[in-house]
C-alpha atoms as a PDB file:
ATOM      1  CA  UNK A   1     -10.023   7.619 -21.044  1.00  0.00           C
ATOM      2  CA  UNK A   2      -8.118   4.472 -20.222  1.00  0.00           C
ATOM      3  CA  UNK A   3      -7.907   2.535 -16.993  1.00  0.00           C
ATOM      4  CA  UNK A   4      -5.166  -0.062 -16.600  1.00  0.00           C
ATOM      5  CA  UNK A   5      -5.730  -2.919 -14.156  1.00  0.00           C
ATOM      6  CA  UNK A   6      -2.697  -4.960 -13.146  1.00  0.00           C
ATOM      7  CA  UNK A   7      -2.386  -7.904 -10.830  1.00  0.00           C
ATOM      8  CA  UNK A   8       0.794  -7.746  -8.764  1.00  0.00           C
ATOM      9  CA  UNK A   9       3.741  -9.865  -9.855  1.00  0.00           C
ATOM     10  CA  UNK A  10       4.547 -13.252  -8.376  1.00  0.00           C
ATOM     11  CA  UNK A  11       5.343 -12.933  -4.693  1.00  0.00           C
ATOM     12  CA  UNK A  12       7.042 -15.051  -2.064  1.00  0.00           C
ATOM     13  CA  UNK A  13       4.675 -17.198   0.000  1.00  0.00           C
ATOM     14  CA  UNK A  14       3.603 -15.747   3.329  1.00  0.00           C
ATOM     15  CA  UNK A  15       5.207 -18.676   5.127  1.00  0.00           C
ATOM     16  CA  UNK A  16       8.699 -17.650   3.990  1.00  0.00           C
ATOM     17  CA  UNK A  17       8.152 -13.881   3.684  1.00  0.00           C
ATOM     18  CA  UNK A  18       5.374 -12.310   5.761  1.00  0.00           C
ATOM     19  CA  UNK A  19       5.652  -9.128   3.686  1.00  0.00           C
ATOM     20  CA  UNK A  20       5.160 -11.140   0.468  1.00  0.00           C
ATOM     21  CA  UNK A  21       7.722  -9.224  -1.598  1.00  0.00           C
ATOM     22  CA  UNK A  22       8.063  -9.981  -5.298  1.00  0.00           C
ATOM     23  CA  UNK A  23      10.162 -12.941  -6.311  1.00  0.00           C
ATOM     24  CA  UNK A  24      12.976 -12.388  -8.832  1.00  0.00           C
ATOM     25  CA  UNK A  25      10.718 -14.050 -11.428  1.00  0.00           C
ATOM     26  CA  UNK A  26       7.867 -11.738 -10.460  1.00  0.00           C
ATOM     27  CA  UNK A  27      10.091  -8.679 -10.851  1.00  0.00           C
ATOM     28  CA  UNK A  28      11.252  -9.834 -14.283  1.00  0.00           C
ATOM     29  CA  UNK A  29       7.678 -10.435 -15.438  1.00  0.00           C
ATOM     30  CA  UNK A  30       6.543  -6.984 -14.314  1.00  0.00           C
ATOM     31  CA  UNK A  31       9.568  -5.426 -16.010  1.00  0.00           C
ATOM     32  CA  UNK A  32       8.533  -7.092 -19.300  1.00  0.00           C
ATOM     33  CA  UNK A  33       5.032  -5.638 -18.995  1.00  0.00           C
ATOM     34  CA  UNK A  34       6.467  -2.192 -18.134  1.00  0.00           C
ATOM     35  CA  UNK A  35       8.630  -2.343 -21.263  1.00  0.00           C
ATOM     36  CA  UNK A  36       5.599  -3.349 -23.328  1.00  0.00           C
ATOM     37  CA  UNK A  37       3.627  -0.453 -21.857  1.00  0.00           C
ATOM     38  CA  UNK A  38       6.418   2.015 -22.598  1.00  0.00           C
ATOM     39  CA  UNK A  39       6.371   0.984 -26.274  1.00  0.00           C
ATOM     40  CA  UNK A  40       2.634   0.644 -26.825  1.00  0.00           C
ATOM     41  CA  UNK A  41       0.848   3.042 -24.493  1.00  0.00           C
ATOM     42  CA  UNK A  42       3.089   5.877 -23.326  1.00  0.00           C
ATOM     43  CA  UNK A  43       1.394   8.081 -20.761  1.00  0.00           C
ATOM     44  CA  UNK A  44       1.153  11.827 -21.224  1.00  0.00           C
ATOM     45  CA  UNK A  45       0.525  12.030 -17.502  1.00  0.00           C
ATOM     46  CA  UNK A  46      -1.139   9.773 -15.025  1.00  0.00           C
ATOM     47  CA  UNK A  47      -0.968   7.786 -11.841  1.00  0.00           C
ATOM     48  CA  UNK A  48      -0.115   4.298 -10.721  1.00  0.00           C
ATOM     49  CA  UNK A  49      -2.124   3.497  -7.600  1.00  0.00           C
ATOM     50  CA  UNK A  50      -1.564   0.388  -5.494  1.00  0.00           C
ATOM     51  CA  UNK A  51      -3.136  -1.342  -2.512  1.00  0.00           C
ATOM     52  CA  UNK A  52      -0.266  -0.617  -0.140  1.00  0.00           C
ATOM     53  CA  UNK A  53       0.683  -4.277   0.197  1.00  0.00           C
ATOM     54  CA  UNK A  54       4.397  -4.846  -0.496  1.00  0.00           C
ATOM     55  CA  UNK A  55       3.872  -6.958  -3.637  1.00  0.00           C
ATOM     56  CA  UNK A  56       1.508  -4.364  -5.136  1.00  0.00           C
ATOM     57  CA  UNK A  57       3.752  -1.416  -4.208  1.00  0.00           C
ATOM     58  CA  UNK A  58       6.814  -3.076  -5.743  1.00  0.00           C
ATOM     59  CA  UNK A  59       4.828  -3.875  -8.889  1.00  0.00           C
ATOM     60  CA  UNK A  60       3.614  -0.264  -9.129  1.00  0.00           C
ATOM     61  CA  UNK A  61       7.141   1.090  -8.714  1.00  0.00           C
ATOM     62  CA  UNK A  62       8.440  -1.124 -11.516  1.00  0.00           C
ATOM     63  CA  UNK A  63       5.459  -0.237 -13.716  1.00  0.00           C
ATOM     64  CA  UNK A  64       6.128   3.474 -13.198  1.00  0.00           C
ATOM     65  CA  UNK A  65       9.533   3.059 -14.834  1.00  0.00           C
ATOM     66  CA  UNK A  66       7.562   2.870 -18.108  1.00  0.00           C
ATOM     67  CA  UNK A  67       7.128   6.644 -18.084  1.00  0.00           C
ATOM     68  CA  UNK A  68       8.648   9.409 -15.925  1.00  0.00           C
ATOM     69  CA  UNK A  69       5.303  11.247 -15.946  1.00  0.00           C
ATOM     70  CA  UNK A  70       3.646   8.550 -13.832  1.00  0.00           C
ATOM     71  CA  UNK A  71       3.177   9.216 -10.130  1.00  0.00           C
ATOM     72  CA  UNK A  72       3.006   6.250  -7.717  1.00  0.00           C
ATOM     73  CA  UNK A  73       0.845   6.279  -4.589  1.00  0.00           C
ATOM     74  CA  UNK A  74      -1.054   3.991  -2.270  1.00  0.00           C
ATOM     75  CA  UNK A  75      -4.844   4.164  -2.538  1.00  0.00           C
ATOM     76  CA  UNK A  76      -7.693   2.785  -0.438  1.00  0.00           C
ATOM     77  CA  UNK A  77     -10.178   0.101  -1.465  1.00  0.00           C
ATOM     78  CA  UNK A  78      -7.811  -2.038  -3.576  1.00  0.00           C
ATOM     79  CA  UNK A  79      -7.451  -4.994  -1.203  1.00  0.00           C
ATOM     80  CA  UNK A  80      -8.407  -8.473  -2.413  1.00  0.00           C
ATOM     81  CA  UNK A  81     -11.903  -8.512  -0.882  1.00  0.00           C
ATOM     82  CA  UNK A  82     -12.811  -4.824  -1.186  1.00  0.00           C
ATOM     83  CA  UNK A  83     -16.061  -3.798  -2.869  1.00  0.00           C
ATOM     84  CA  UNK A  84     -15.363  -3.301  -6.605  1.00  0.00           C
ATOM     85  CA  UNK A  85     -18.187  -0.780  -7.011  1.00  0.00           C
ATOM     86  CA  UNK A  86     -16.163   1.776  -5.025  1.00  0.00           C
ATOM     87  CA  UNK A  87     -13.501   1.958  -7.754  1.00  0.00           C
ATOM     88  CA  UNK A  88     -16.079   1.517 -10.511  1.00  0.00           C
ATOM     89  CA  UNK A  89     -17.724   4.739  -9.301  1.00  0.00           C
ATOM     90  CA  UNK A  90     -14.372   6.522  -8.963  1.00  0.00           C
ATOM     91  CA  UNK A  91     -13.364   5.422 -12.469  1.00  0.00           C
ATOM     92  CA  UNK A  92     -16.311   7.300 -13.987  1.00  0.00           C
ATOM     93  CA  UNK A  93     -14.826  10.598 -12.755  1.00  0.00           C
ATOM     94  CA  UNK A  94     -11.212   9.974 -13.792  1.00  0.00           C
ATOM     95  CA  UNK A  95      -9.839  12.520 -16.214  1.00  0.00           C
ATOM     96  CA  UNK A  96      -6.399  11.056 -16.754  1.00  0.00           C
ATOM     97  CA  UNK A  97      -4.934   7.629 -17.329  1.00  0.00           C
ATOM     98  CA  UNK A  98      -4.715   5.613 -14.132  1.00  0.00           C
ATOM     99  CA  UNK A  99      -3.206   2.198 -13.471  1.00  0.00           C
ATOM    100  CA  UNK A 100      -4.525   0.274 -10.486  1.00  0.00           C
ATOM    101  CA  UNK A 101      -2.197  -2.406  -9.135  1.00  0.00           C
ATOM    102  CA  UNK A 102      -3.977  -4.853  -6.907  1.00  0.00           C
ATOM    103  CA  UNK A 103      -5.145  -8.354  -6.209  1.00  0.00           C
ATOM    104  CA  UNK A 104      -7.683 -11.003  -7.069  1.00  0.00           C
ATOM    105  CA  UNK A 105     -10.585 -11.303  -6.793  1.00  0.00           C
ATOM    106  CA  UNK A 106     -10.962  -7.504  -6.564  1.00  0.00           C
ATOM    107  CA  UNK A 107      -9.474  -6.682  -9.989  1.00  0.00           C
ATOM    108  CA  UNK A 108     -11.519  -9.324 -11.771  1.00  0.00           C
ATOM    109  CA  UNK A 109     -14.698  -8.152 -10.100  1.00  0.00           C
ATOM    110  CA  UNK A 110     -13.885  -4.492 -10.864  1.00  0.00           C
ATOM    111  CA  UNK A 111     -13.354  -5.215 -14.563  1.00  0.00           C
ATOM    112  CA  UNK A 112     -16.673  -7.069 -14.674  1.00  0.00           C
ATOM    113  CA  UNK A 113     -18.557  -4.262 -12.912  1.00  0.00           C
ATOM    114  CA  UNK A 114     -17.165  -1.684 -15.336  1.00  0.00           C
ATOM    115  CA  UNK A 115     -17.901  -3.703 -18.476  1.00  0.00           C
ATOM    116  CA  UNK A 116     -21.187  -5.407 -17.536  1.00  0.00           C
ATOM    117  CA  UNK A 117     -22.459  -3.642 -14.430  1.00  0.00           C
ATOM    118  CA  UNK A 118     -22.171  -6.847 -12.365  1.00  0.00           C
ATOM    119  CA  UNK A 119     -19.178  -8.321 -10.466  1.00  0.00           C
ATOM    120  CA  UNK A 120     -19.788 -11.822 -11.871  1.00  0.00           C
ATOM    121  CA  UNK A 121     -19.093 -13.591 -14.159  1.00  0.00           C
ATOM    122  CA  UNK A 122     -15.524 -12.538 -14.948  1.00  0.00           C
ATOM    123  CA  UNK A 123     -14.986 -10.754 -18.263  1.00  0.00           C
ATOM    124  CA  UNK A 124     -11.221 -11.238 -18.278  1.00  0.00           C
ATOM    125  CA  UNK A 125      -8.715 -13.628 -16.715  1.00  0.00           C
ATOM    126  CA  UNK A 126      -5.887 -12.031 -14.767  1.00  0.00           C
ATOM    127  CA  UNK A 127      -2.492 -13.539 -14.062  1.00  0.00           C
ATOM    128  CA  UNK A 128       0.402 -12.415 -11.901  1.00  0.00           C
ATOM    129  CA  UNK A 129       2.048  -9.460 -13.583  1.00  0.00           C
ATOM    130  CA  UNK A 130      -0.680  -9.278 -16.233  1.00  0.00           C
ATOM    131  CA  UNK A 131      -2.442  -6.099 -17.273  1.00  0.00           C
ATOM    132  CA  UNK A 132      -5.821  -5.278 -18.768  1.00  0.00           C
ATOM    133  CA  UNK A 133      -6.529  -1.964 -20.486  1.00  0.00           C
ATOM    134  CA  UNK A 134     -10.121  -0.751 -20.260  1.00  0.00           C
ATOM    135  CA  UNK A 135     -11.357   2.193 -22.292  1.00  0.00           C
ATOM    136  CA  UNK A 136     -14.296   4.472 -21.554  1.00  0.00           C
ATOM    137  CA  UNK A 137     -16.299   5.753 -24.506  1.00  0.00           C
ATOM    138  CA  UNK A 138     -17.722   9.264 -24.764  1.00  0.00           C
ATOM    139  CA  UNK A 139     -21.039   7.763 -23.636  1.00  0.00           C
ATOM    140  CA  UNK A 140     -19.412   6.396 -20.460  1.00  0.00           C
ATOM    141  CA  UNK A 141     -19.392   2.715 -21.431  1.00  0.00           C
ATOM    142  CA  UNK A 142     -16.296   0.634 -20.683  1.00  0.00           C
ATOM    143  CA  UNK A 143     -14.787  -1.990 -22.980  1.00  0.00           C
ATOM    144  CA  UNK A 144     -11.713  -4.181 -22.846  1.00  0.00           C
ATOM    145  CA  UNK A 145      -9.192  -2.630 -25.246  1.00  0.00           C
ATOM    146  CA  UNK A 146      -6.403  -5.171 -24.703  1.00  0.00           C
ATOM    147  CA  UNK A 147      -4.893  -7.596 -22.234  1.00  0.00           C
ATOM    148  CA  UNK A 148      -1.354  -8.876 -21.841  1.00  0.00           C
ATOM    149  CA  UNK A 149       0.322 -11.476 -19.665  1.00  0.00           C
ATOM    150  CA  UNK A 150       4.064 -11.691 -19.072  1.00  0.00           C
ATOM    151  CA  UNK A 151       4.332 -15.095 -20.786  1.00  0.00           C
ATOM    152  CA  UNK A 152       3.312 -13.500 -24.101  1.00  0.00           C
ATOM    153  CA  UNK A 153       6.216 -11.071 -23.893  1.00  0.00           C
ATOM    154  CA  UNK A 154       9.090 -13.543 -23.533  1.00  0.00           C
END
């Protein structure tokens, strides 16, 4: 089973856009990652879940263009300072591919909890619009399968 963790794309600063929508550059970066995902990891079925914040929702919607079988929805406990163990526990029960679109430091801490059992130190560096693919073995252990950042896809 695979779990995809994606940091939202670059967003406008809160001082100019209180909703913090994606910038044109942020949209383009997420589109590159969605294209990469479509070519390398097509989903048979699955979900794209986001924090509900505008920048995460927009990122999830763009990501879902990678495959028509992906459903997009808001999910709880994906805010920047939420407890990563909540999603670490949920991830153990997932039966289909799921992409979580969220924020730092939550995503970094979640990846660390899944791979090492502890939220620190980080096991992977995230960047805006970047994605990390984690894979669960038959024994229930998680490993980092791959990671991509938009700058690698230019």
